[in-house]
Amino acid sequence: MWGTPKNQTRLRFVQDSDEVLAALERTLADAPESERPGLRRALAVARAARLDEDTLRTRWLDARLASVAFTGDRDSVAAVRALRKAEPTLSLTEAVSLLRPPKPDA
């Protein structure tokens, strides 16, 4: 959380697909011709499987809320309570922020 005040957080959801893509690209560059079609296909599949941050966030929230059997309205105090039950290390501010729809970047 760099460059934000103490009471303001900006959680980021990351995936390691960049490393997977880089490894596939390196392998493809050094592969014999007989292996290249399969590696090209694997690289295409890996590129297509990359998810944006909003999708990662939604999936993470779905999993966390499901882990405590929460099925109610996400715009509720109960949702915040459920998320903090699923992830006890989250602060109240972080939980509320995660449950709000992301704002488009300006």
PDB file of N, CA and C in Angstrom:
ATOM      1  N   MET A   1       0.843  -1.168   0.000  1.00  0.00           N
ATOM      2  CA  MET A   1       0.000   0.000   0.000  1.00  0.00           C
ATOM      3  C   MET A   1       0.895   1.241   0.000  1.00  0.00           C
ATOM      4  N   TRP A   2       1.389   1.576  -1.126  1.00  0.00           N
ATOM      5  CA  TRP A   2       2.298   2.704  -1.225  1.00  0.00           C
ATOM      6  C   TRP A   2       1.554   3.961  -1.615  1.00  0.00           C
ATOM      7  N   GLY A   3       1.941   5.077  -1.016  1.00  0.00           N
ATOM      8  CA  GLY A   3       1.419   6.363  -1.429  1.00  0.00           C
ATOM      9  C   GLY A   3      -0.014   6.640  -1.031  1.00  0.00           C
ATOM     10  N   THR A   4      -0.525   5.929  -0.034  1.00  0.00           N
ATOM     11  CA  THR A   4      -1.874   6.202   0.438  1.00  0.00           C
ATOM     12  C   THR A   4      -1.833   6.519   1.921  1.00  0.00           C
ATOM     13  N   PRO A   5      -2.771   7.336   2.395  1.00  0.00           N
ATOM     14  CA  PRO A   5      -2.818   7.618   3.823  1.00  0.00           C
ATOM     15  C   PRO A   5      -3.060   6.331   4.616  1.00  0.00           C
ATOM     16  N   LYS A   6      -2.730   6.356   5.912  1.00  0.00           N
ATOM     17  CA  LYS A   6      -2.872   5.164   6.739  1.00  0.00           C
ATOM     18  C   LYS A   6      -4.290   4.625   6.768  1.00  0.00           C
ATOM     19  N   ASN A   7      -5.277   5.494   6.738  1.00  0.00           N
ATOM     20  CA  ASN A   7      -6.658   5.035   6.852  1.00  0.00           C
ATOM     21  C   ASN A   7      -7.278   4.672   5.504  1.00  0.00           C
ATOM     22  N   GLN A   8      -6.486   4.686   4.461  1.00  0.00           N
ATOM     23  CA  GLN A   8      -7.001   4.389   3.130  1.00  0.00           C
ATOM     24  C   GLN A   8      -6.164   3.264   2.529  1.00  0.00           C
ATOM     25  N   THR A   9      -6.834   2.231   2.048  1.00  0.00           N
ATOM     26  CA  THR A   9      -6.099   1.105   1.480  1.00  0.00           C
ATOM     27  C   THR A   9      -6.467   0.922   0.026  1.00  0.00           C
ATOM     28  N   ARG A  10      -5.592   0.264  -0.667  1.00  0.00           N
ATOM     29  CA  ARG A  10      -5.844  -0.088  -2.069  1.00  0.00           C
ATOM     30  C   ARG A  10      -5.329  -1.506  -2.242  1.00  0.00           C
ATOM     31  N   LEU A  11      -6.230  -2.471  -2.079  1.00  0.00           N
ATOM     32  CA  LEU A  11      -5.839  -3.860  -2.236  1.00  0.00           C
ATOM     33  C   LEU A  11      -5.744  -4.193  -3.711  1.00  0.00           C
ATOM     34  N   ARG A  12      -4.777  -5.009  -4.066  1.00  0.00           N
ATOM     35  CA  ARG A  12      -4.579  -5.417  -5.446  1.00  0.00           C
ATOM     36  C   ARG A  12      -4.681  -6.933  -5.513  1.00  0.00           C
ATOM     37  N   PHE A  13      -5.320  -7.408  -6.547  1.00  0.00           N
ATOM     38  CA  PHE A  13      -5.394  -8.838  -6.791  1.00  0.00           C
ATOM     39  C   PHE A  13      -4.454  -9.135  -7.937  1.00  0.00           C
ATOM     40  N   VAL A  14      -3.553 -10.056  -7.701  1.00  0.00           N
ATOM     41  CA  VAL A  14      -2.556 -10.376  -8.720  1.00  0.00           C
ATOM     42  C   VAL A  14      -2.634 -11.856  -9.052  1.00  0.00           C
ATOM     43  N   GLN A  15      -2.127 -12.173 -10.192  1.00  0.00           N
ATOM     44  CA  GLN A  15      -2.023 -13.563 -10.597  1.00  0.00           C
ATOM     45  C   GLN A  15      -0.621 -13.782 -11.139  1.00  0.00           C
ATOM     46  N   ASP A  16      -0.200 -15.005 -11.147  1.00  0.00           N
ATOM     47  CA  ASP A  16       1.158 -15.296 -11.598  1.00  0.00           C
ATOM     48  C   ASP A  16       1.223 -15.674 -13.077  1.00  0.00           C
ATOM     49  N   SER A  17       0.212 -15.307 -13.833  1.00  0.00           N
ATOM     50  CA  SER A  17       0.197 -15.689 -15.247  1.00  0.00           C
ATOM     51  C   SER A  17       1.335 -15.060 -16.043  1.00  0.00           C
ATOM     52  N   ASP A  18       1.835 -13.907 -15.624  1.00  0.00           N
ATOM     53  CA  ASP A  18       2.964 -13.304 -16.341  1.00  0.00           C
ATOM     54  C   ASP A  18       4.175 -14.233 -16.328  1.00  0.00           C
ATOM     55  N   GLU A  19       4.415 -14.885 -15.191  1.00  0.00           N
ATOM     56  CA  GLU A  19       5.535 -15.814 -15.084  1.00  0.00           C
ATOM     57  C   GLU A  19       5.303 -17.047 -15.947  1.00  0.00           C
ATOM     58  N   VAL A  20       4.074 -17.534 -15.963  1.00  0.00           N
ATOM     59  CA  VAL A  20       3.736 -18.696 -16.782  1.00  0.00           C
ATOM     60  C   VAL A  20       3.924 -18.359 -18.256  1.00  0.00           C
ATOM     61  N   LEU A  21       3.415 -17.193 -18.668  1.00  0.00           N
ATOM     62  CA  LEU A  21       3.570 -16.779 -20.067  1.00  0.00           C
ATOM     63  C   LEU A  21       5.037 -16.632 -20.443  1.00  0.00           C
ATOM     64  N   ALA A  22       5.810 -16.030 -19.566  1.00  0.00           N
ATOM     65  CA  ALA A  22       7.242 -15.851 -19.850  1.00  0.00           C
ATOM     66  C   ALA A  22       7.949 -17.204 -19.971  1.00  0.00           C
ATOM     67  N   ALA A  23       7.605 -18.146 -19.105  1.00  0.00           N
ATOM     68  CA  ALA A  23       8.226 -19.477 -19.170  1.00  0.00           C
ATOM     69  C   ALA A  23       7.853 -20.193 -20.465  1.00  0.00           C
ATOM     70  N   LEU A  24       6.590 -20.090 -20.871  1.00  0.00           N
ATOM     71  CA  LEU A  24       6.172 -20.703 -22.130  1.00  0.00           C
ATOM     72  C   LEU A  24       6.878 -20.057 -23.323  1.00  0.00           C
ATOM     73  N   GLU A  25       7.018 -18.738 -23.300  1.00  0.00           N
ATOM     74  CA  GLU A  25       7.706 -18.046 -24.397  1.00  0.00           C
ATOM     75  C   GLU A  25       9.171 -18.456 -24.476  1.00  0.00           C
ATOM     76  N   ARG A  26       9.841 -18.583 -23.322  1.00  0.00           N
ATOM     77  CA  ARG A  26      11.252 -19.010 -23.315  1.00  0.00           C
ATOM     78  C   ARG A  26      11.377 -20.438 -23.845  1.00  0.00           C
ATOM     79  N   THR A  27      10.467 -21.289 -23.405  1.00  0.00           N
ATOM     80  CA  THR A  27      10.498 -22.686 -23.844  1.00  0.00           C
ATOM     81  C   THR A  27      10.245 -22.786 -25.344  1.00  0.00           C
ATOM     82  N   LEU A  28       9.297 -22.010 -25.838  1.00  0.00           N
ATOM     83  CA  LEU A  28       8.999 -22.007 -27.268  1.00  0.00           C
ATOM     84  C   LEU A  28      10.210 -21.548 -28.079  1.00  0.00           C
ATOM     85  N   ALA A  29      10.900 -20.544 -27.587  1.00  0.00           N
ATOM     86  CA  ALA A  29      12.067 -20.021 -28.313  1.00  0.00           C
ATOM     87  C   ALA A  29      13.169 -21.069 -28.462  1.00  0.00           C
ATOM     88  N   ASP A  30      13.297 -21.953 -27.469  1.00  0.00           N
ATOM     89  CA  ASP A  30      14.372 -22.952 -27.484  1.00  0.00           C
ATOM     90  C   ASP A  30      13.907 -24.343 -27.913  1.00  0.00           C
ATOM     91  N   ALA A  31      12.636 -24.503 -28.229  1.00  0.00           N
ATOM     92  CA  ALA A  31      12.084 -25.833 -28.500  1.00  0.00           C
ATOM     93  C   ALA A  31      12.400 -26.300 -29.909  1.00  0.00           C
ATOM     94  N   PRO A  32      12.532 -27.607 -30.063  1.00  0.00           N
ATOM     95  CA  PRO A  32      12.679 -28.152 -31.412  1.00  0.00           C
ATOM     96  C   PRO A  32      11.375 -27.962 -32.190  1.00  0.00           C
ATOM     97  N   GLU A  33      11.467 -27.976 -33.486  1.00  0.00           N
ATOM     98  CA  GLU A  33      10.318 -27.714 -34.350  1.00  0.00           C
ATOM     99  C   GLU A  33       9.143 -28.648 -34.063  1.00  0.00           C
ATOM    100  N   SER A  34       9.429 -29.882 -33.704  1.00  0.00           N
ATOM    101  CA  SER A  34       8.354 -30.851 -33.452  1.00  0.00           C
ATOM    102  C   SER A  34       7.496 -30.482 -32.233  1.00  0.00           C
ATOM    103  N   GLU A  35       8.048 -29.729 -31.286  1.00  0.00           N
ATOM    104  CA  GLU A  35       7.314 -29.346 -30.075  1.00  0.00           C
ATOM    105  C   GLU A  35       6.632 -27.984 -30.194  1.00  0.00           C
ATOM    106  N   ARG A  36       7.001 -27.214 -31.189  1.00  0.00           N
ATOM    107  CA  ARG A  36       6.502 -25.845 -31.305  1.00  0.00           C
ATOM    108  C   ARG A  36       4.985 -25.721 -31.469  1.00  0.00           C
ATOM    109  N   PRO A  37       4.326 -26.544 -32.271  1.00  0.00           N
ATOM    110  CA  PRO A  37       2.857 -26.380 -32.392  1.00  0.00           C
ATOM    111  C   PRO A  37       2.141 -26.526 -31.042  1.00  0.00           C
ATOM    112  N   GLY A  38       2.538 -27.511 -30.267  1.00  0.00           N
ATOM    113  CA  GLY A  38       1.916 -27.704 -28.955  1.00  0.00           C
ATOM    114  C   GLY A  38       2.205 -26.554 -28.006  1.00  0.00           C
ATOM    115  N   LEU A  39       3.431 -26.054 -28.041  1.00  0.00           N
ATOM    116  CA  LEU A  39       3.788 -24.921 -27.186  1.00  0.00           C
ATOM    117  C   LEU A  39       3.066 -23.647 -27.616  1.00  0.00           C
ATOM    118  N   ARG A  40       2.914 -23.458 -28.928  1.00  0.00           N
ATOM    119  CA  ARG A  40       2.155 -22.293 -29.407  1.00  0.00           C
ATOM    120  C   ARG A  40       0.717 -22.362 -28.922  1.00  0.00           C
ATOM    121  N   ARG A  41       0.129 -23.541 -28.977  1.00  0.00           N
ATOM    122  CA  ARG A  41      -1.247 -23.725 -28.495  1.00  0.00           C
ATOM    123  C   ARG A  41      -1.325 -23.475 -26.989  1.00  0.00           C
ATOM    124  N   ALA A  42      -0.367 -23.988 -26.229  1.00  0.00           N
ATOM    125  CA  ALA A  42      -0.345 -23.772 -24.784  1.00  0.00           C
ATOM    126  C   ALA A  42      -0.211 -22.279 -24.461  1.00  0.00           C
ATOM    127  N   LEU A  43       0.619 -21.590 -25.212  1.00  0.00           N
ATOM    128  CA  LEU A  43       0.798 -20.154 -25.015  1.00  0.00           C
ATOM    129  C   LEU A  43      -0.492 -19.403 -25.317  1.00  0.00           C
ATOM    130  N   ALA A  44      -1.185 -19.777 -26.373  1.00  0.00           N
ATOM    131  CA  ALA A  44      -2.458 -19.134 -26.714  1.00  0.00           C
ATOM    132  C   ALA A  44      -3.504 -19.373 -25.628  1.00  0.00           C
ATOM    133  N   VAL A  45      -3.561 -20.587 -25.112  1.00  0.00           N
ATOM    134  CA  VAL A  45      -4.516 -20.905 -24.043  1.00  0.00           C
ATOM    135  C   VAL A  45      -4.185 -20.105 -22.786  1.00  0.00           C
ATOM    136  N   ALA A  46      -2.911 -20.034 -22.434  1.00  0.00           N
ATOM    137  CA  ALA A  46      -2.502 -19.288 -21.242  1.00  0.00           C
ATOM    138  C   ALA A  46      -2.816 -17.798 -21.378  1.00  0.00           C
ATOM    139  N   ARG A  47      -2.594 -17.247 -22.555  1.00  0.00           N
ATOM    140  CA  ARG A  47      -2.922 -15.829 -22.774  1.00  0.00           C
ATOM    141  C   ARG A  47      -4.425 -15.593 -22.660  1.00  0.00           C
ATOM    142  N   ALA A  48      -5.216 -16.508 -23.190  1.00  0.00           N
ATOM    143  CA  ALA A  48      -6.676 -16.359 -23.141  1.00  0.00           C
ATOM    144  C   ALA A  48      -7.218 -16.521 -21.718  1.00  0.00           C
ATOM    145  N   ALA A  49      -6.504 -17.246 -20.885  1.00  0.00           N
ATOM    146  CA  ALA A  49      -6.976 -17.518 -19.521  1.00  0.00           C
ATOM    147  C   ALA A  49      -6.668 -16.381 -18.543  1.00  0.00           C
ATOM    148  N   ARG A  50      -5.888 -15.409 -18.971  1.00  0.00           N
ATOM    149  CA  ARG A  50      -5.562 -14.291 -18.074  1.00  0.00           C
ATOM    150  C   ARG A  50      -6.833 -13.549 -17.698  1.00  0.00           C
ATOM    151  N   LEU A  51      -6.917 -13.159 -16.452  1.00  0.00           N
ATOM    152  CA  LEU A  51      -8.094 -12.468 -15.936  1.00  0.00           C
ATOM    153  C   LEU A  51      -7.733 -11.056 -15.517  1.00  0.00           C
ATOM    154  N   ASP A  52      -8.676 -10.145 -15.665  1.00  0.00           N
ATOM    155  CA  ASP A  52      -8.429  -8.786 -15.207  1.00  0.00           C
ATOM    156  C   ASP A  52      -8.647  -8.720 -13.687  1.00  0.00           C
ATOM    157  N   GLU A  53      -8.209  -7.637 -13.093  1.00  0.00           N
ATOM    158  CA  GLU A  53      -8.269  -7.496 -11.637  1.00  0.00           C
ATOM    159  C   GLU A  53      -9.699  -7.563 -11.102  1.00  0.00           C
ATOM    160  N   ASP A  54     -10.648  -6.991 -11.813  1.00  0.00           N
ATOM    161  CA  ASP A  54     -12.038  -7.024 -11.350  1.00  0.00           C
ATOM    162  C   ASP A  54     -12.582  -8.453 -11.297  1.00  0.00           C
ATOM    163  N   THR A  55     -12.228  -9.255 -12.280  1.00  0.00           N
ATOM    164  CA  THR A  55     -12.676 -10.649 -12.296  1.00  0.00           C
ATOM    165  C   THR A  55     -12.024 -11.430 -11.163  1.00  0.00           C
ATOM    166  N   LEU A  56     -10.724 -11.206 -10.952  1.00  0.00           N
ATOM    167  CA  LEU A  56     -10.034 -11.864  -9.839  1.00  0.00           C
ATOM    168  C   LEU A  56     -10.670 -11.484  -8.505  1.00  0.00           C
ATOM    169  N   ARG A  57     -10.962 -10.217  -8.339  1.00  0.00           N
ATOM    170  CA  ARG A  57     -11.575  -9.713  -7.109  1.00  0.00           C
ATOM    171  C   ARG A  57     -12.942 -10.362  -6.894  1.00  0.00           C
ATOM    172  N   THR A  58     -13.757 -10.415  -7.944  1.00  0.00           N
ATOM    173  CA  THR A  58     -15.089 -11.007  -7.841  1.00  0.00           C
ATOM    174  C   THR A  58     -15.006 -12.481  -7.473  1.00  0.00           C
ATOM    175  N   ARG A  59     -14.120 -13.205  -8.117  1.00  0.00           N
ATOM    176  CA  ARG A  59     -13.963 -14.629  -7.810  1.00  0.00           C
ATOM    177  C   ARG A  59     -13.488 -14.838  -6.377  1.00  0.00           C
ATOM    178  N   TRP A  60     -12.557 -13.997  -5.942  1.00  0.00           N
ATOM    179  CA  TRP A  60     -12.048 -14.101  -4.577  1.00  0.00           C
ATOM    180  C   TRP A  60     -13.171 -13.832  -3.581  1.00  0.00           C
ATOM    181  N   LEU A  61     -13.939 -12.764  -3.815  1.00  0.00           N
ATOM    182  CA  LEU A  61     -15.061 -12.452  -2.935  1.00  0.00           C
ATOM    183  C   LEU A  61     -16.090 -13.579  -2.926  1.00  0.00           C
ATOM    184  N   ASP A  62     -16.426 -14.107  -4.095  1.00  0.00           N
ATOM    185  CA  ASP A  62     -17.379 -15.219  -4.178  1.00  0.00           C
ATOM    186  C   ASP A  62     -16.915 -16.387  -3.312  1.00  0.00           C
ATOM    187  N   ALA A  63     -15.656 -16.735  -3.433  1.00  0.00           N
ATOM    188  CA  ALA A  63     -15.112 -17.867  -2.675  1.00  0.00           C
ATOM    189  C   ALA A  63     -15.113 -17.590  -1.176  1.00  0.00           C
ATOM    190  N   ARG A  64     -14.702 -16.378  -0.797  1.00  0.00           N
ATOM    191  CA  ARG A  64     -14.652 -16.038   0.629  1.00  0.00           C
ATOM    192  C   ARG A  64     -16.051 -16.050   1.246  1.00  0.00           C
ATOM    193  N   LEU A  65     -17.009 -15.434   0.563  1.00  0.00           N
ATOM    194  CA  LEU A  65     -18.372 -15.377   1.093  1.00  0.00           C
ATOM    195  C   LEU A  65     -19.008 -16.766   1.098  1.00  0.00           C
ATOM    196  N   ALA A  66     -18.733 -17.576   0.101  1.00  0.00           N
ATOM    197  CA  ALA A  66     -19.260 -18.938   0.073  1.00  0.00           C
ATOM    198  C   ALA A  66     -18.685 -19.777   1.216  1.00  0.00           C
ATOM    199  N   SER A  67     -17.442 -19.489   1.592  1.00  0.00           N
ATOM    200  CA  SER A  67     -16.803 -20.270   2.658  1.00  0.00           C
ATOM    201  C   SER A  67     -17.495 -20.094   4.011  1.00  0.00           C
ATOM    202  N   VAL A  68     -18.250 -19.002   4.164  1.00  0.00           N
ATOM    203  CA  VAL A  68     -19.015 -18.779   5.399  1.00  0.00           C
ATOM    204  C   VAL A  68     -20.517 -18.853   5.123  1.00  0.00           C
ATOM    205  N   ALA A  69     -20.870 -19.438   3.980  1.00  0.00           N
ATOM    206  CA  ALA A  69     -22.271 -19.671   3.585  1.00  0.00           C
ATOM    207  C   ALA A  69     -23.096 -18.397   3.504  1.00  0.00           C
ATOM    208  N   PHE A  70     -22.473 -17.292   3.109  1.00  0.00           N
ATOM    209  CA  PHE A  70     -23.211 -16.036   2.950  1.00  0.00           C
ATOM    210  C   PHE A  70     -23.813 -15.987   1.554  1.00  0.00           C
ATOM    211  N   THR A  71     -25.118 -15.711   1.493  1.00  0.00           N
ATOM    212  CA  THR A  71     -25.796 -15.625   0.202  1.00  0.00           C
ATOM    213  C   THR A  71     -26.635 -14.358   0.087  1.00  0.00           C
ATOM    214  N   GLY A  72     -26.495 -13.463   1.041  1.00  0.00           N
ATOM    215  CA  GLY A  72     -27.322 -12.266   1.044  1.00  0.00           C
ATOM    216  C   GLY A  72     -26.806 -11.162   0.142  1.00  0.00           C
ATOM    217  N   ASP A  73     -27.324  -9.975   0.389  1.00  0.00           N
ATOM    218  CA  ASP A  73     -26.978  -8.776  -0.376  1.00  0.00           C
ATOM    219  C   ASP A  73     -25.566  -8.326  -0.017  1.00  0.00           C
ATOM    220  N   ARG A  74     -24.740  -8.130  -1.029  1.00  0.00           N
ATOM    221  CA  ARG A  74     -23.355  -7.703  -0.775  1.00  0.00           C
ATOM    222  C   ARG A  74     -23.263  -6.259  -0.308  1.00  0.00           C
ATOM    223  N   ASP A  75     -24.317  -5.529  -0.474  1.00  0.00           N
ATOM    224  CA  ASP A  75     -24.329  -4.131  -0.048  1.00  0.00           C
ATOM    225  C   ASP A  75     -25.009  -4.031   1.317  1.00  0.00           C
ATOM    226  N   SER A  76     -24.548  -4.849   2.249  1.00  0.00           N
ATOM    227  CA  SER A  76     -25.178  -4.887   3.566  1.00  0.00           C
ATOM    228  C   SER A  76     -24.116  -5.034   4.658  1.00  0.00           C
ATOM    229  N   VAL A  77     -24.527  -4.693   5.853  1.00  0.00           N
ATOM    230  CA  VAL A  77     -23.645  -4.874   7.011  1.00  0.00           C
ATOM    231  C   VAL A  77     -23.350  -6.361   7.193  1.00  0.00           C
ATOM    232  N   ALA A  78     -24.339  -7.212   6.923  1.00  0.00           N
ATOM    233  CA  ALA A  78     -24.142  -8.655   7.052  1.00  0.00           C
ATOM    234  C   ALA A  78     -23.040  -9.157   6.117  1.00  0.00           C
ATOM    235  N   ALA A  79     -22.950  -8.580   4.934  1.00  0.00           N
ATOM    236  CA  ALA A  79     -21.906  -8.979   3.988  1.00  0.00           C
ATOM    237  C   ALA A  79     -20.529  -8.607   4.526  1.00  0.00           C
ATOM    238  N   VAL A  80     -20.418  -7.424   5.097  1.00  0.00           N
ATOM    239  CA  VAL A  80     -19.143  -6.992   5.682  1.00  0.00           C
ATOM    240  C   VAL A  80     -18.774  -7.933   6.818  1.00  0.00           C
ATOM    241  N   ARG A  81     -19.733  -8.229   7.654  1.00  0.00           N
ATOM    242  CA  ARG A  81     -19.505  -9.134   8.782  1.00  0.00           C
ATOM    243  C   ARG A  81     -19.061 -10.519   8.280  1.00  0.00           C
ATOM    244  N   ALA A  82     -19.726 -11.023   7.245  1.00  0.00           N
ATOM    245  CA  ALA A  82     -19.388 -12.342   6.694  1.00  0.00           C
ATOM    246  C   ALA A  82     -17.983 -12.343   6.100  1.00  0.00           C
ATOM    247  N   LEU A  83     -17.641 -11.298   5.374  1.00  0.00           N
ATOM    248  CA  LEU A  83     -16.311 -11.221   4.768  1.00  0.00           C
ATOM    249  C   LEU A  83     -15.231 -11.173   5.841  1.00  0.00           C
ATOM    250  N   ARG A  84     -15.475 -10.413   6.901  1.00  0.00           N
ATOM    251  CA  ARG A  84     -14.485 -10.337   7.983  1.00  0.00           C
ATOM    252  C   ARG A  84     -14.417 -11.646   8.762  1.00  0.00           C
ATOM    253  N   LYS A  85     -15.507 -12.402   8.781  1.00  0.00           N
ATOM    254  CA  LYS A  85     -15.478 -13.728   9.408  1.00  0.00           C
ATOM    255  C   LYS A  85     -14.621 -14.670   8.559  1.00  0.00           C
ATOM    256  N   ALA A  86     -14.787 -14.581   7.241  1.00  0.00           N
ATOM    257  CA  ALA A  86     -14.010 -15.423   6.323  1.00  0.00           C
ATOM    258  C   ALA A  86     -12.537 -15.030   6.299  1.00  0.00           C
ATOM    259  N   GLU A  87     -12.272 -13.751   6.418  1.00  0.00           N
ATOM    260  CA  GLU A  87     -10.899 -13.215   6.372  1.00  0.00           C
ATOM    261  C   GLU A  87     -10.687 -12.317   7.590  1.00  0.00           C
ATOM    262  N   PRO A  88     -10.393 -12.890   8.747  1.00  0.00           N
ATOM    263  CA  PRO A  88     -10.304 -12.112   9.987  1.00  0.00           C
ATOM    264  C   PRO A  88      -9.229 -11.020   9.989  1.00  0.00           C
ATOM    265  N   THR A  89      -8.262 -11.104   9.100  1.00  0.00           N
ATOM    266  CA  THR A  89      -7.214 -10.077   9.091  1.00  0.00           C
ATOM    267  C   THR A  89      -7.630  -8.802   8.376  1.00  0.00           C
ATOM    268  N   LEU A  90      -8.769  -8.829   7.675  1.00  0.00           N
ATOM    269  CA  LEU A  90      -9.237  -7.623   6.984  1.00  0.00           C
ATOM    270  C   LEU A  90      -9.749  -6.604   7.992  1.00  0.00           C
ATOM    271  N   SER A  91      -9.371  -5.363   7.778  1.00  0.00           N
ATOM    272  CA  SER A  91      -9.933  -4.292   8.597  1.00  0.00           C
ATOM    273  C   SER A  91     -11.345  -3.998   8.114  1.00  0.00           C
ATOM    274  N   LEU A  92     -12.087  -3.253   8.899  1.00  0.00           N
ATOM    275  CA  LEU A  92     -13.436  -2.859   8.503  1.00  0.00           C
ATOM    276  C   LEU A  92     -13.391  -2.056   7.209  1.00  0.00           C
ATOM    277  N   THR A  93     -12.453  -1.131   7.111  1.00  0.00           N
ATOM    278  CA  THR A  93     -12.308  -0.305   5.912  1.00  0.00           C
ATOM    279  C   THR A  93     -12.013  -1.156   4.682  1.00  0.00           C
ATOM    280  N   GLU A  94     -11.113  -2.131   4.834  1.00  0.00           N
ATOM    281  CA  GLU A  94     -10.775  -2.992   3.705  1.00  0.00           C
ATOM    282  C   GLU A  94     -11.976  -3.833   3.267  1.00  0.00           C
ATOM    283  N   ALA A  95     -12.709  -4.377   4.223  1.00  0.00           N
ATOM    284  CA  ALA A  95     -13.861  -5.211   3.891  1.00  0.00           C
ATOM    285  C   ALA A  95     -14.923  -4.403   3.148  1.00  0.00           C
ATOM    286  N   VAL A  96     -15.207  -3.219   3.647  1.00  0.00           N
ATOM    287  CA  VAL A  96     -16.203  -2.363   2.985  1.00  0.00           C
ATOM    288  C   VAL A  96     -15.735  -2.015   1.580  1.00  0.00           C
ATOM    289  N   SER A  97     -14.469  -1.666   1.449  1.00  0.00           N
ATOM    290  CA  SER A  97     -13.910  -1.297   0.145  1.00  0.00           C
ATOM    291  C   SER A  97     -13.994  -2.454  -0.846  1.00  0.00           C
ATOM    292  N   LEU A  98     -13.710  -3.651  -0.398  1.00  0.00           N
ATOM    293  CA  LEU A  98     -13.752  -4.820  -1.281  1.00  0.00           C
ATOM    294  C   LEU A  98     -15.164  -5.132  -1.752  1.00  0.00           C
ATOM    295  N   LEU A  99     -16.144  -4.880  -0.920  1.00  0.00           N
ATOM    296  CA  LEU A  99     -17.523  -5.196  -1.274  1.00  0.00           C
ATOM    297  C   LEU A  99     -18.166  -4.145  -2.165  1.00  0.00           C
ATOM    298  N   ARG A 100     -17.585  -2.982  -2.239  1.00  0.00           N
ATOM    299  CA  ARG A 100     -18.098  -1.940  -3.148  1.00  0.00           C
ATOM    300  C   ARG A 100     -17.619  -2.241  -4.561  1.00  0.00           C
ATOM    301  N   PRO A 101     -18.453  -1.958  -5.537  1.00  0.00           N
ATOM    302  CA  PRO A 101     -17.995  -2.138  -6.918  1.00  0.00           C
ATOM    303  C   PRO A 101     -16.787  -1.252  -7.197  1.00  0.00           C
ATOM    304  N   PRO A 102     -15.809  -1.757  -7.936  1.00  0.00           N
ATOM    305  CA  PRO A 102     -14.635  -0.944  -8.233  1.00  0.00           C
ATOM    306  C   PRO A 102     -15.002   0.278  -9.062  1.00  0.00           C
ATOM    307  N   LYS A 103     -14.337   1.378  -8.756  1.00  0.00           N
ATOM    308  CA  LYS A 103     -14.550   2.606  -9.524  1.00  0.00           C
ATOM    309  C   LYS A 103     -13.663   2.557 -10.770  1.00  0.00           C
ATOM    310  N   PRO A 104     -14.198   2.983 -11.898  1.00  0.00           N
ATOM    311  CA  PRO A 104     -13.359   3.006 -13.107  1.00  0.00           C
ATOM    312  C   PRO A 104     -12.225   4.003 -12.926  1.00  0.00           C
ATOM    313  N   ASP A 105     -11.069   3.634 -13.440  1.00  0.00           N
ATOM    314  CA  ASP A 105      -9.905   4.526 -13.361  1.00  0.00           C
ATOM    315  C   ASP A 105     -10.137   5.731 -14.237  1.00  0.00           C
ATOM    316  N   ALA A 106      -9.721   6.871 -13.715  1.00  0.00           N
ATOM    317  CA  ALA A 106      -9.915   8.125 -14.467  1.00  0.00           C
ATOM    318  C   ALA A 106      -8.848   8.299 -15.501  1.00  0.00           C
TER     319      ALA A 106
END
